[in-house]
Amino acid sequence: MWVHVKVPLAMRNFTTFLLFLVIVQAAWSQASKDKPNSELGPATSPTNAEAADAAKSPVNLTPVPTAAPVDPKSYIIGPQDILLIRVWREPELSSGVQIRPDGKFTMPLIGEVQAEGLTPDQLSAQVTEALSKFINKPEVTISLQSVLSKKYHITGEVTRSGTFPLVVPVTVMEALSNAGGFREFSNTGKIVIMRGDKRIKFNYREVVKGKNLKQNILLENGDHIFVP
């Protein structure tokens, strides 16, 4: 935009003319700043765009991360595990489900589905076959969102006690490492693994020195490690 300024004839002095131009430029700059934002066009909000995309998602599920990657070909699903089921182009059939104590879950169209004892890949094939009676060539993907059926516990003089998911095979040494190591006054020579009514002794000092390595056993579901 051009601004036409008519300079009075009396302004013959060059210094006065320059001062006049400075005042006009400052006034024009201020006017531009005061211009309403609406004239500049509507702003695009990335947050709003993301919200719109989320609203189109066929699955409304907050995933719960597992402690380690799960192999869909080998992990055996159990009660309380949380699965994410996705059926391509079938949003009403896509959802998160938790396996009931009886090892089953309910799915639209096909009803009760047995999941306990199967791997995610095996369950995907089973659900695909069942849906084939209602849908032409269904594409089903089933993934594990949270491992709740298999776990072990660590208490006592460790940095981080608590319950840990047993996603992959874990030895006693690995479990102790997951707990962040020992506290200052822990007795690492008299660690006990409680497995049902059994009490299995574990001497950390020996294993670290390469002695009696057979005691570094694989943990089983429900094992409780106590560090005195």
C-alpha atoms as a PDB file:
ATOM      1  CA  MET A   1       0.000   0.000   0.000  1.00  0.00           C
ATOM      2  CA  TRP A   2       1.308   3.443  -0.931  1.00  0.00           C
ATOM      3  CA  VAL A   3       0.754   6.498   1.269  1.00  0.00           C
ATOM      4  CA  HIS A   4       0.540   9.798  -0.532  1.00  0.00           C
ATOM      5  CA  VAL A   5       1.722  12.646   1.645  1.00  0.00           C
ATOM      6  CA  LYS A   6       1.508  16.211   0.471  1.00  0.00           C
ATOM      7  CA  VAL A   7       4.385  18.178   1.942  1.00  0.00           C
ATOM      8  CA  PRO A   8       3.511  21.806   2.735  1.00  0.00           C
ATOM      9  CA  LEU A   9       5.363  24.337   0.678  1.00  0.00           C
ATOM     10  CA  ALA A  10       6.694  25.932   3.806  1.00  0.00           C
ATOM     11  CA  MET A  11       8.761  22.836   4.541  1.00  0.00           C
ATOM     12  CA  ARG A  12      11.782  23.751   2.500  1.00  0.00           C
ATOM     13  CA  ASN A  13      14.304  22.966   5.128  1.00  0.00           C
ATOM     14  CA  PHE A  14      15.776  19.521   4.454  1.00  0.00           C
ATOM     15  CA  THR A  15      16.117  18.616   8.148  1.00  0.00           C
ATOM     16  CA  THR A  16      12.489  19.486   8.832  1.00  0.00           C
ATOM     17  CA  PHE A  17      11.396  17.342   5.874  1.00  0.00           C
ATOM     18  CA  LEU A  18      13.286  14.297   7.167  1.00  0.00           C
ATOM     19  CA  LEU A  19      11.738  14.720  10.613  1.00  0.00           C
ATOM     20  CA  PHE A  20       8.280  14.857   9.025  1.00  0.00           C
ATOM     21  CA  LEU A  21       8.934  11.560   7.164  1.00  0.00           C
ATOM     22  CA  VAL A  22      10.039   9.840  10.394  1.00  0.00           C
ATOM     23  CA  ILE A  23       6.796  10.896  12.126  1.00  0.00           C
ATOM     24  CA  VAL A  24       4.662   9.602   9.241  1.00  0.00           C
ATOM     25  CA  GLN A  25       6.498   6.263   9.162  1.00  0.00           C
ATOM     26  CA  ALA A  26       6.063   5.766  12.918  1.00  0.00           C
ATOM     27  CA  ALA A  27       2.339   6.522  12.679  1.00  0.00           C
ATOM     28  CA  TRP A  28       1.885   4.027   9.803  1.00  0.00           C
ATOM     29  CA  SER A  29       3.793   1.317  11.709  1.00  0.00           C
ATOM     30  CA  GLN A  30       1.544   1.709  14.753  1.00  0.00           C
ATOM     31  CA  ALA A  31      -1.594   1.560  12.603  1.00  0.00           C
ATOM     32  CA  SER A  32      -0.440  -1.746  11.098  1.00  0.00           C
ATOM     33  CA  LYS A  33       0.083  -3.257  14.562  1.00  0.00           C
ATOM     34  CA  ASP A  34      -3.408  -2.221  15.646  1.00  0.00           C
ATOM     35  CA  LYS A  35      -5.050  -3.919  12.651  1.00  0.00           C
ATOM     36  CA  PRO A  36      -7.474  -6.674  13.774  1.00  0.00           C
ATOM     37  CA  ASN A  37      -6.175 -10.233  13.482  1.00  0.00           C
ATOM     38  CA  SER A  38      -9.298 -11.192  11.541  1.00  0.00           C
ATOM     39  CA  GLU A  39      -7.957  -9.307   8.528  1.00  0.00           C
ATOM     40  CA  LEU A  40      -4.960 -11.611   8.475  1.00  0.00           C
ATOM     41  CA  GLY A  41      -7.130 -14.700   7.983  1.00  0.00           C
ATOM     42  CA  PRO A  42      -8.167 -17.485  10.395  1.00  0.00           C
ATOM     43  CA  ALA A  43      -5.386 -19.239  12.259  1.00  0.00           C
ATOM     44  CA  THR A  44      -4.952 -22.974  11.909  1.00  0.00           C
ATOM     45  CA  SER A  45      -4.544 -24.777  15.223  1.00  0.00           C
ATOM     46  CA  PRO A  46      -2.531 -28.039  15.170  1.00  0.00           C
ATOM     47  CA  THR A  47      -4.294 -29.064  18.352  1.00  0.00           C
ATOM     48  CA  ASN A  48      -7.705 -28.769  16.740  1.00  0.00           C
ATOM     49  CA  ALA A  49      -6.507 -30.742  13.724  1.00  0.00           C
ATOM     50  CA  GLU A  50      -5.231 -33.517  15.944  1.00  0.00           C
ATOM     51  CA  ALA A  51      -8.493 -33.572  17.859  1.00  0.00           C
ATOM     52  CA  ALA A  52     -10.406 -33.924  14.619  1.00  0.00           C
ATOM     53  CA  ASP A  53      -8.230 -36.847  13.569  1.00  0.00           C
ATOM     54  CA  ALA A  54      -8.722 -38.485  16.964  1.00  0.00           C
ATOM     55  CA  ALA A  55     -12.491 -38.161  16.627  1.00  0.00           C
ATOM     56  CA  LYS A  56     -12.316 -40.167  13.390  1.00  0.00           C
ATOM     57  CA  SER A  57     -10.434 -43.020  15.063  1.00  0.00           C
ATOM     58  CA  PRO A  58     -12.457 -46.242  15.133  1.00  0.00           C
ATOM     59  CA  VAL A  59     -11.069 -47.257  18.528  1.00  0.00           C
ATOM     60  CA  ASN A  60     -11.474 -45.232  21.698  1.00  0.00           C
ATOM     61  CA  LEU A  61      -8.869 -46.895  23.880  1.00  0.00           C
ATOM     62  CA  THR A  62      -6.106 -45.726  26.165  1.00  0.00           C
ATOM     63  CA  PRO A  63      -3.364 -48.306  25.705  1.00  0.00           C
ATOM     64  CA  VAL A  64      -1.460 -49.572  28.694  1.00  0.00           C
ATOM     65  CA  PRO A  65       2.172 -50.220  27.765  1.00  0.00           C
ATOM     66  CA  THR A  66       3.821 -53.524  28.638  1.00  0.00           C
ATOM     67  CA  ALA A  67       7.175 -53.683  30.364  1.00  0.00           C
ATOM     68  CA  ALA A  68       8.794 -55.419  27.388  1.00  0.00           C
ATOM     69  CA  PRO A  69       7.956 -56.214  23.753  1.00  0.00           C
ATOM     70  CA  VAL A  70       5.637 -59.193  23.377  1.00  0.00           C
ATOM     71  CA  ASP A  71       6.203 -61.827  20.682  1.00  0.00           C
ATOM     72  CA  PRO A  72       2.750 -62.426  19.115  1.00  0.00           C
ATOM     73  CA  LYS A  73       3.905 -65.869  17.976  1.00  0.00           C
ATOM     74  CA  SER A  74       4.972 -67.190  21.379  1.00  0.00           C
ATOM     75  CA  TYR A  75       3.285 -65.237  24.201  1.00  0.00           C
ATOM     76  CA  ILE A  76       0.408 -67.206  25.744  1.00  0.00           C
ATOM     77  CA  ILE A  77      -2.614 -65.065  26.591  1.00  0.00           C
ATOM     78  CA  GLY A  78      -4.075 -65.406  30.079  1.00  0.00           C
ATOM     79  CA  PRO A  79      -6.897 -64.009  32.240  1.00  0.00           C
ATOM     80  CA  GLN A  80      -6.816 -60.234  32.889  1.00  0.00           C
ATOM     81  CA  ASP A  81      -4.534 -59.547  29.912  1.00  0.00           C
ATOM     82  CA  ILE A  82      -5.666 -56.558  27.858  1.00  0.00           C
ATOM     83  CA  LEU A  83      -5.837 -56.981  24.081  1.00  0.00           C
ATOM     84  CA  LEU A  84      -6.370 -54.512  21.255  1.00  0.00           C
ATOM     85  CA  ILE A  85      -8.480 -55.921  18.432  1.00  0.00           C
ATOM     86  CA  ARG A  86      -8.540 -54.106  15.085  1.00  0.00           C
ATOM     87  CA  VAL A  87     -10.705 -55.193  12.174  1.00  0.00           C
ATOM     88  CA  TRP A  88      -9.901 -53.334   8.953  1.00  0.00           C
ATOM     89  CA  ARG A  89     -12.726 -50.976   7.940  1.00  0.00           C
ATOM     90  CA  GLU A  90     -14.952 -52.282  10.741  1.00  0.00           C
ATOM     91  CA  PRO A  91     -14.715 -49.704  13.562  1.00  0.00           C
ATOM     92  CA  GLU A  92     -17.659 -51.190  15.467  1.00  0.00           C
ATOM     93  CA  LEU A  93     -15.708 -54.440  15.792  1.00  0.00           C
ATOM     94  CA  SER A  94     -12.420 -52.775  16.800  1.00  0.00           C
ATOM     95  CA  SER A  95     -11.892 -52.251  20.509  1.00  0.00           C
ATOM     96  CA  GLY A  96      -9.829 -53.007  23.559  1.00  0.00           C
ATOM     97  CA  VAL A  97     -10.873 -56.038  25.601  1.00  0.00           C
ATOM     98  CA  GLN A  98      -9.766 -57.575  28.882  1.00  0.00           C
ATOM     99  CA  ILE A  99      -9.744 -61.344  29.192  1.00  0.00           C
ATOM    100  CA  ARG A 100     -12.174 -62.528  31.862  1.00  0.00           C
ATOM    101  CA  PRO A 101     -11.244 -65.035  34.617  1.00  0.00           C
ATOM    102  CA  ASP A 102     -12.805 -67.787  32.483  1.00  0.00           C
ATOM    103  CA  GLY A 103     -10.287 -66.999  29.736  1.00  0.00           C
ATOM    104  CA  LYS A 104     -12.839 -65.578  27.304  1.00  0.00           C
ATOM    105  CA  PHE A 105     -14.084 -62.240  25.976  1.00  0.00           C
ATOM    106  CA  THR A 106     -17.207 -61.190  24.082  1.00  0.00           C
ATOM    107  CA  MET A 107     -17.098 -59.760  20.571  1.00  0.00           C
ATOM    108  CA  PRO A 108     -19.934 -58.430  18.378  1.00  0.00           C
ATOM    109  CA  LEU A 109     -21.280 -60.862  15.750  1.00  0.00           C
ATOM    110  CA  ILE A 110     -19.352 -63.905  16.986  1.00  0.00           C
ATOM    111  CA  GLY A 111     -20.135 -63.755  20.734  1.00  0.00           C
ATOM    112  CA  GLU A 112     -17.916 -65.617  23.202  1.00  0.00           C
ATOM    113  CA  VAL A 113     -14.277 -66.088  22.167  1.00  0.00           C
ATOM    114  CA  GLN A 114     -11.768 -68.348  23.942  1.00  0.00           C
ATOM    115  CA  ALA A 115      -8.447 -66.478  24.291  1.00  0.00           C
ATOM    116  CA  GLU A 116      -6.630 -68.095  27.198  1.00  0.00           C
ATOM    117  CA  GLY A 117      -3.978 -70.534  26.056  1.00  0.00           C
ATOM    118  CA  LEU A 118      -3.568 -68.958  22.612  1.00  0.00           C
ATOM    119  CA  THR A 119      -0.926 -66.639  21.210  1.00  0.00           C
ATOM    120  CA  PRO A 120      -2.058 -63.285  19.724  1.00  0.00           C
ATOM    121  CA  ASP A 121      -1.381 -64.670  16.228  1.00  0.00           C
ATOM    122  CA  GLN A 122      -3.433 -67.801  16.887  1.00  0.00           C
ATOM    123  CA  LEU A 123      -6.276 -65.737  18.294  1.00  0.00           C
ATOM    124  CA  SER A 124      -6.176 -63.426  15.239  1.00  0.00           C
ATOM    125  CA  ALA A 125      -6.592 -66.446  12.964  1.00  0.00           C
ATOM    126  CA  GLN A 126      -9.451 -67.781  15.074  1.00  0.00           C
ATOM    127  CA  VAL A 127     -11.329 -64.464  15.093  1.00  0.00           C
ATOM    128  CA  THR A 128     -10.733 -64.035  11.346  1.00  0.00           C
ATOM    129  CA  GLU A 129     -12.280 -67.427  10.653  1.00  0.00           C
ATOM    130  CA  ALA A 130     -15.292 -66.670  12.854  1.00  0.00           C
ATOM    131  CA  LEU A 131     -15.895 -63.258  11.247  1.00  0.00           C
ATOM    132  CA  SER A 132     -15.665 -64.765   7.751  1.00  0.00           C
ATOM    133  CA  LYS A 133     -19.226 -66.013   8.218  1.00  0.00           C
ATOM    134  CA  PHE A 134     -20.440 -62.412   8.428  1.00  0.00           C
ATOM    135  CA  ILE A 135     -17.811 -60.297   6.608  1.00  0.00           C
ATOM    136  CA  ASN A 136     -16.129 -60.820   3.259  1.00  0.00           C
ATOM    137  CA  LYS A 137     -12.395 -61.452   3.807  1.00  0.00           C
ATOM    138  CA  PRO A 138     -11.982 -59.745   7.198  1.00  0.00           C
ATOM    139  CA  GLU A 139      -8.522 -58.488   8.148  1.00  0.00           C
ATOM    140  CA  VAL A 140      -7.945 -58.893  11.872  1.00  0.00           C
ATOM    141  CA  THR A 141      -4.967 -57.768  13.950  1.00  0.00           C
ATOM    142  CA  ILE A 142      -4.745 -58.591  17.652  1.00  0.00           C
ATOM    143  CA  SER A 143      -1.986 -57.170  19.842  1.00  0.00           C
ATOM    144  CA  LEU A 144      -1.266 -57.319  23.553  1.00  0.00           C
ATOM    145  CA  GLN A 145      -1.654 -53.985  25.321  1.00  0.00           C
ATOM    146  CA  SER A 146      -0.908 -54.997  28.904  1.00  0.00           C
ATOM    147  CA  VAL A 147       0.358 -58.159  30.590  1.00  0.00           C
ATOM    148  CA  LEU A 148      -1.634 -58.755  33.756  1.00  0.00           C
ATOM    149  CA  SER A 149      -1.925 -62.546  33.798  1.00  0.00           C
ATOM    150  CA  LYS A 150       1.759 -63.280  34.474  1.00  0.00           C
ATOM    151  CA  LYS A 151       3.774 -61.448  37.102  1.00  0.00           C
ATOM    152  CA  TYR A 152       6.369 -61.804  39.838  1.00  0.00           C
ATOM    153  CA  HIS A 153       6.960 -59.829  43.026  1.00  0.00           C
ATOM    154  CA  ILE A 154      10.068 -58.445  44.723  1.00  0.00           C
ATOM    155  CA  THR A 155      10.109 -57.076  48.276  1.00  0.00           C
ATOM    156  CA  GLY A 156      12.679 -56.331  50.951  1.00  0.00           C
ATOM    157  CA  GLU A 157      15.976 -54.484  50.722  1.00  0.00           C
ATOM    158  CA  VAL A 158      15.889 -53.527  47.035  1.00  0.00           C
ATOM    159  CA  THR A 159      15.797 -50.113  45.410  1.00  0.00           C
ATOM    160  CA  ARG A 160      12.425 -50.609  43.746  1.00  0.00           C
ATOM    161  CA  SER A 161      10.138 -53.265  45.194  1.00  0.00           C
ATOM    162  CA  GLY A 162       6.786 -54.173  43.696  1.00  0.00           C
ATOM    163  CA  THR A 163       5.083 -56.314  41.069  1.00  0.00           C
ATOM    164  CA  PHE A 164       6.615 -56.828  37.629  1.00  0.00           C
ATOM    165  CA  PRO A 165       5.006 -58.325  34.495  1.00  0.00           C
ATOM    166  CA  LEU A 166       6.482 -61.636  33.395  1.00  0.00           C
ATOM    167  CA  VAL A 167       6.398 -60.959  29.658  1.00  0.00           C
ATOM    168  CA  VAL A 168       9.492 -62.912  28.631  1.00  0.00           C
ATOM    169  CA  PRO A 169      11.581 -65.531  30.488  1.00  0.00           C
ATOM    170  CA  VAL A 170      13.333 -63.825  33.428  1.00  0.00           C
ATOM    171  CA  THR A 171      16.058 -65.217  35.691  1.00  0.00           C
ATOM    172  CA  VAL A 172      16.463 -64.281  39.356  1.00  0.00           C
ATOM    173  CA  MET A 173      19.486 -62.130  38.503  1.00  0.00           C
ATOM    174  CA  GLU A 174      17.553 -60.279  35.812  1.00  0.00           C
ATOM    175  CA  ALA A 175      14.645 -59.710  38.189  1.00  0.00           C
ATOM    176  CA  LEU A 176      16.943 -58.248  40.840  1.00  0.00           C
ATOM    177  CA  SER A 177      18.432 -55.962  38.209  1.00  0.00           C
ATOM    178  CA  ASN A 178      14.911 -54.839  37.206  1.00  0.00           C
ATOM    179  CA  ALA A 179      14.373 -53.895  40.845  1.00  0.00           C
ATOM    180  CA  GLY A 180      17.287 -51.467  40.648  1.00  0.00           C
ATOM    181  CA  GLY A 181      19.739 -53.444  42.778  1.00  0.00           C
ATOM    182  CA  PHE A 182      20.129 -53.625  46.563  1.00  0.00           C
ATOM    183  CA  ARG A 183      19.961 -51.192  49.430  1.00  0.00           C
ATOM    184  CA  GLU A 184      22.958 -50.535  51.642  1.00  0.00           C
ATOM    185  CA  PHE A 185      22.287 -53.097  54.385  1.00  0.00           C
ATOM    186  CA  SER A 186      20.759 -55.932  52.319  1.00  0.00           C
ATOM    187  CA  ASN A 187      21.885 -59.500  52.987  1.00  0.00           C
ATOM    188  CA  THR A 188      22.432 -60.676  49.403  1.00  0.00           C
ATOM    189  CA  GLY A 189      23.616 -64.115  50.526  1.00  0.00           C
ATOM    190  CA  LYS A 190      20.244 -65.126  51.940  1.00  0.00           C
ATOM    191  CA  ILE A 191      17.705 -64.196  49.273  1.00  0.00           C
ATOM    192  CA  VAL A 192      14.603 -66.396  49.171  1.00  0.00           C
ATOM    193  CA  ILE A 193      12.258 -67.164  46.270  1.00  0.00           C
ATOM    194  CA  MET A 194       8.791 -68.121  47.493  1.00  0.00           C
ATOM    195  CA  ARG A 195       6.966 -70.352  45.006  1.00  0.00           C
ATOM    196  CA  GLY A 196       3.693 -71.553  46.469  1.00  0.00           C
ATOM    197  CA  ASP A 197       4.631 -73.548  49.576  1.00  0.00           C
ATOM    198  CA  LYS A 198       8.256 -73.905  48.406  1.00  0.00           C
ATOM    199  CA  ARG A 199      11.167 -71.806  49.633  1.00  0.00           C
ATOM    200  CA  ILE A 200      14.090 -71.621  47.205  1.00  0.00           C
ATOM    201  CA  LYS A 201      17.356 -70.145  48.484  1.00  0.00           C
ATOM    202  CA  PHE A 202      19.421 -67.832  46.283  1.00  0.00           C
ATOM    203  CA  ASN A 203      22.935 -66.621  47.089  1.00  0.00           C
ATOM    204  CA  TYR A 204      23.654 -63.542  44.992  1.00  0.00           C
ATOM    205  CA  ARG A 205      27.284 -63.389  46.125  1.00  0.00           C
ATOM    206  CA  GLU A 206      27.989 -66.869  44.825  1.00  0.00           C
ATOM    207  CA  VAL A 207      26.325 -66.293  41.456  1.00  0.00           C
ATOM    208  CA  VAL A 208      28.239 -63.050  40.914  1.00  0.00           C
ATOM    209  CA  LYS A 209      31.474 -64.983  41.477  1.00  0.00           C
ATOM    210  CA  GLY A 210      30.414 -67.681  39.009  1.00  0.00           C
ATOM    211  CA  LYS A 211      29.672 -70.306  41.665  1.00  0.00           C
ATOM    212  CA  ASN A 212      26.588 -72.538  41.898  1.00  0.00           C
ATOM    213  CA  LEU A 213      25.032 -70.933  38.826  1.00  0.00           C
ATOM    214  CA  LYS A 214      22.185 -73.454  38.726  1.00  0.00           C
ATOM    215  CA  GLN A 215      20.425 -71.485  41.449  1.00  0.00           C
ATOM    216  CA  ASN A 216      19.868 -68.628  38.961  1.00  0.00           C
ATOM    217  CA  ILE A 217      16.567 -70.185  37.889  1.00  0.00           C
ATOM    218  CA  LEU A 218      13.855 -68.863  35.596  1.00  0.00           C
ATOM    219  CA  LEU A 219      10.974 -67.273  37.469  1.00  0.00           C
ATOM    220  CA  GLU A 220       7.449 -68.621  37.220  1.00  0.00           C
ATOM    221  CA  ASN A 221       4.152 -66.783  37.361  1.00  0.00           C
ATOM    222  CA  GLY A 222       3.445 -65.718  40.954  1.00  0.00           C
ATOM    223  CA  ASP A 223       7.016 -66.112  42.281  1.00  0.00           C
ATOM    224  CA  HIS A 224       7.892 -63.822  45.170  1.00  0.00           C
ATOM    225  CA  ILE A 225      11.520 -62.795  45.706  1.00  0.00           C
ATOM    226  CA  PHE A 226      12.419 -61.584  49.198  1.00  0.00           C
ATOM    227  CA  VAL A 227      15.699 -59.811  49.914  1.00  0.00           C
ATOM    228  CA  PRO A 228      16.442 -59.590  53.679  1.00  0.00           C
END
